Amino acid sequence: MEAVRKFFGIEPPYKLEWNDLRALIQLVNVTLIIIFGLSVSWFGLAIAVFGLCKDLSQHRHVNDVVLHLTGIVLNTHFLIMYLTGA
């Protein structure tokens, strides 16, 4: 962990943030899609919609809203591909 702190220049003790959790969930979503196929995109879509609702009701940061909107668009695209057999 010390090597990671030095590489990224993290001076104070590490504090887990919402974006860290979001990145981990996105990694899980991508891994599940690669392993199990496009049908798992429902998971990513649900997480993105929930996150957008949370952003609009609490945080209101533009970058968070954009990240969740892109997650919604991407997972919707994957689901359309899955449902149409493309």
C-alpha atoms as a PDB file:
ATOM      1  CA  MET A   1       0.000   0.000   0.000  1.00  0.00           C
ATOM      2  CA  GLU A   2       2.915   2.322   0.679  1.00  0.00           C
ATOM      3  CA  ALA A   3       4.125   1.982  -2.909  1.00  0.00           C
ATOM      4  CA  VAL A   4       0.680   3.013  -4.172  1.00  0.00           C
ATOM      5  CA  ARG A   5       0.650   6.037  -1.877  1.00  0.00           C
ATOM      6  CA  LYS A   6       4.082   7.119  -3.119  1.00  0.00           C
ATOM      7  CA  PHE A   7       3.211   6.529  -6.780  1.00  0.00           C
ATOM      8  CA  PHE A   8       0.041   8.648  -6.624  1.00  0.00           C
ATOM      9  CA  GLY A   9       1.495  11.216  -4.233  1.00  0.00           C
ATOM     10  CA  ILE A  10      -1.024  10.604  -1.450  1.00  0.00           C
ATOM     11  CA  GLU A  11       0.235  12.452   1.604  1.00  0.00           C
ATOM     12  CA  PRO A  12      -2.498  12.218   4.261  1.00  0.00           C
ATOM     13  CA  PRO A  13      -3.854   8.866   5.442  1.00  0.00           C
ATOM     14  CA  TYR A  14      -6.074   7.261   2.819  1.00  0.00           C
ATOM     15  CA  LYS A  15      -9.798   7.911   3.153  1.00  0.00           C
ATOM     16  CA  LEU A  16     -12.326   5.832   1.179  1.00  0.00           C
ATOM     17  CA  GLU A  17     -14.593   8.033  -0.956  1.00  0.00           C
ATOM     18  CA  TRP A  18     -17.748   7.393  -2.997  1.00  0.00           C
ATOM     19  CA  ASN A  19     -15.776   7.551  -6.245  1.00  0.00           C
ATOM     20  CA  ASP A  20     -13.541   4.736  -5.000  1.00  0.00           C
ATOM     21  CA  LEU A  21     -16.597   2.584  -4.410  1.00  0.00           C
ATOM     22  CA  ARG A  22     -17.995   3.595  -7.803  1.00  0.00           C
ATOM     23  CA  ALA A  23     -14.752   2.574  -9.516  1.00  0.00           C
ATOM     24  CA  LEU A  24     -14.785  -0.796  -7.748  1.00  0.00           C
ATOM     25  CA  ILE A  25     -18.415  -1.430  -8.738  1.00  0.00           C
ATOM     26  CA  GLN A  26     -17.621  -0.467 -12.338  1.00  0.00           C
ATOM     27  CA  LEU A  27     -14.722  -2.932 -12.318  1.00  0.00           C
ATOM     28  CA  VAL A  28     -17.051  -5.653 -11.013  1.00  0.00           C
ATOM     29  CA  ASN A  29     -19.622  -4.765 -13.694  1.00  0.00           C
ATOM     30  CA  VAL A  30     -17.087  -4.983 -16.528  1.00  0.00           C
ATOM     31  CA  THR A  31     -15.666  -8.241 -15.171  1.00  0.00           C
ATOM     32  CA  LEU A  32     -19.138  -9.792 -14.914  1.00  0.00           C
ATOM     33  CA  ILE A  33     -19.986  -8.716 -18.482  1.00  0.00           C
ATOM     34  CA  ILE A  34     -16.761 -10.256 -19.778  1.00  0.00           C
ATOM     35  CA  ILE A  35     -17.309 -13.521 -17.878  1.00  0.00           C
ATOM     36  CA  PHE A  36     -21.086 -13.984 -18.153  1.00  0.00           C
ATOM     37  CA  GLY A  37     -22.029 -11.891 -21.181  1.00  0.00           C
ATOM     38  CA  LEU A  38     -24.189  -8.886 -21.929  1.00  0.00           C
ATOM     39  CA  SER A  39     -27.142 -10.105 -19.851  1.00  0.00           C
ATOM     40  CA  VAL A  40     -25.313  -8.931 -16.712  1.00  0.00           C
ATOM     41  CA  SER A  41     -25.702  -5.332 -17.915  1.00  0.00           C
ATOM     42  CA  TRP A  42     -28.874  -5.155 -15.813  1.00  0.00           C
ATOM     43  CA  PHE A  43     -26.593  -4.954 -12.782  1.00  0.00           C
ATOM     44  CA  GLY A  44     -24.624  -2.017 -14.189  1.00  0.00           C
ATOM     45  CA  LEU A  45     -27.788  -0.256 -15.322  1.00  0.00           C
ATOM     46  CA  ALA A  46     -29.371  -0.581 -11.882  1.00  0.00           C
ATOM     47  CA  ILE A  47     -26.255   0.732 -10.161  1.00  0.00           C
ATOM     48  CA  ALA A  48     -25.990   3.670 -12.595  1.00  0.00           C
ATOM     49  CA  VAL A  49     -29.661   4.639 -12.172  1.00  0.00           C
ATOM     50  CA  PHE A  50     -29.403   4.392  -8.389  1.00  0.00           C
ATOM     51  CA  GLY A  51     -26.214   6.469  -8.456  1.00  0.00           C
ATOM     52  CA  LEU A  52     -27.793   9.126 -10.676  1.00  0.00           C
ATOM     53  CA  CYS A  53     -30.752   9.416  -8.303  1.00  0.00           C
ATOM     54  CA  LYS A  54     -28.325   9.758  -5.394  1.00  0.00           C
ATOM     55  CA  ASP A  55     -26.287  12.377  -7.248  1.00  0.00           C
ATOM     56  CA  LEU A  56     -29.331  14.443  -8.131  1.00  0.00           C
ATOM     57  CA  SER A  57     -30.723  14.287  -4.591  1.00  0.00           C
ATOM     58  CA  GLN A  58     -27.500  14.826  -2.621  1.00  0.00           C
ATOM     59  CA  HIS A  59     -24.156  15.530  -4.282  1.00  0.00           C
ATOM     60  CA  ARG A  60     -24.973  17.501  -7.438  1.00  0.00           C
ATOM     61  CA  HIS A  61     -21.447  17.288  -8.838  1.00  0.00           C
ATOM     62  CA  VAL A  62     -21.351  17.532 -12.630  1.00  0.00           C
ATOM     63  CA  ASN A  63     -18.691  14.830 -13.024  1.00  0.00           C
ATOM     64  CA  ASP A  64     -20.705  12.348 -10.932  1.00  0.00           C
ATOM     65  CA  VAL A  65     -23.849  12.970 -12.982  1.00  0.00           C
ATOM     66  CA  VAL A  66     -21.919  12.594 -16.253  1.00  0.00           C
ATOM     67  CA  LEU A  67     -20.322   9.325 -15.089  1.00  0.00           C
ATOM     68  CA  HIS A  68     -23.682   7.853 -14.129  1.00  0.00           C
ATOM     69  CA  LEU A  69     -25.332   9.014 -17.362  1.00  0.00           C
ATOM     70  CA  THR A  70     -22.579   7.375 -19.401  1.00  0.00           C
ATOM     71  CA  GLY A  71     -23.026   4.194 -17.351  1.00  0.00           C
ATOM     72  CA  ILE A  72     -26.755   4.260 -18.119  1.00  0.00           C
ATOM     73  CA  VAL A  73     -26.152   4.781 -21.839  1.00  0.00           C
ATOM     74  CA  LEU A  74     -23.462   2.094 -22.072  1.00  0.00           C
ATOM     75  CA  ASN A  75     -25.372  -0.552 -20.130  1.00  0.00           C
ATOM     76  CA  THR A  76     -28.580   0.246 -22.044  1.00  0.00           C
ATOM     77  CA  HIS A  77     -26.642  -0.210 -25.283  1.00  0.00           C
ATOM     78  CA  PHE A  78     -25.327  -3.574 -24.061  1.00  0.00           C
ATOM     79  CA  LEU A  79     -28.846  -4.671 -23.104  1.00  0.00           C
ATOM     80  CA  ILE A  80     -30.231  -3.663 -26.491  1.00  0.00           C
ATOM     81  CA  MET A  81     -27.457  -5.656 -28.138  1.00  0.00           C
ATOM     82  CA  TYR A  82     -28.269  -8.630 -25.905  1.00  0.00           C
ATOM     83  CA  LEU A  83     -32.032  -8.463 -26.459  1.00  0.00           C
ATOM     84  CA  THR A  84     -31.806  -8.017 -30.225  1.00  0.00           C
ATOM     85  CA  GLY A  85     -29.098 -10.635 -30.642  1.00  0.00           C
ATOM     86  CA  ALA A  86     -26.685  -8.183 -32.258  1.00  0.00           C
END
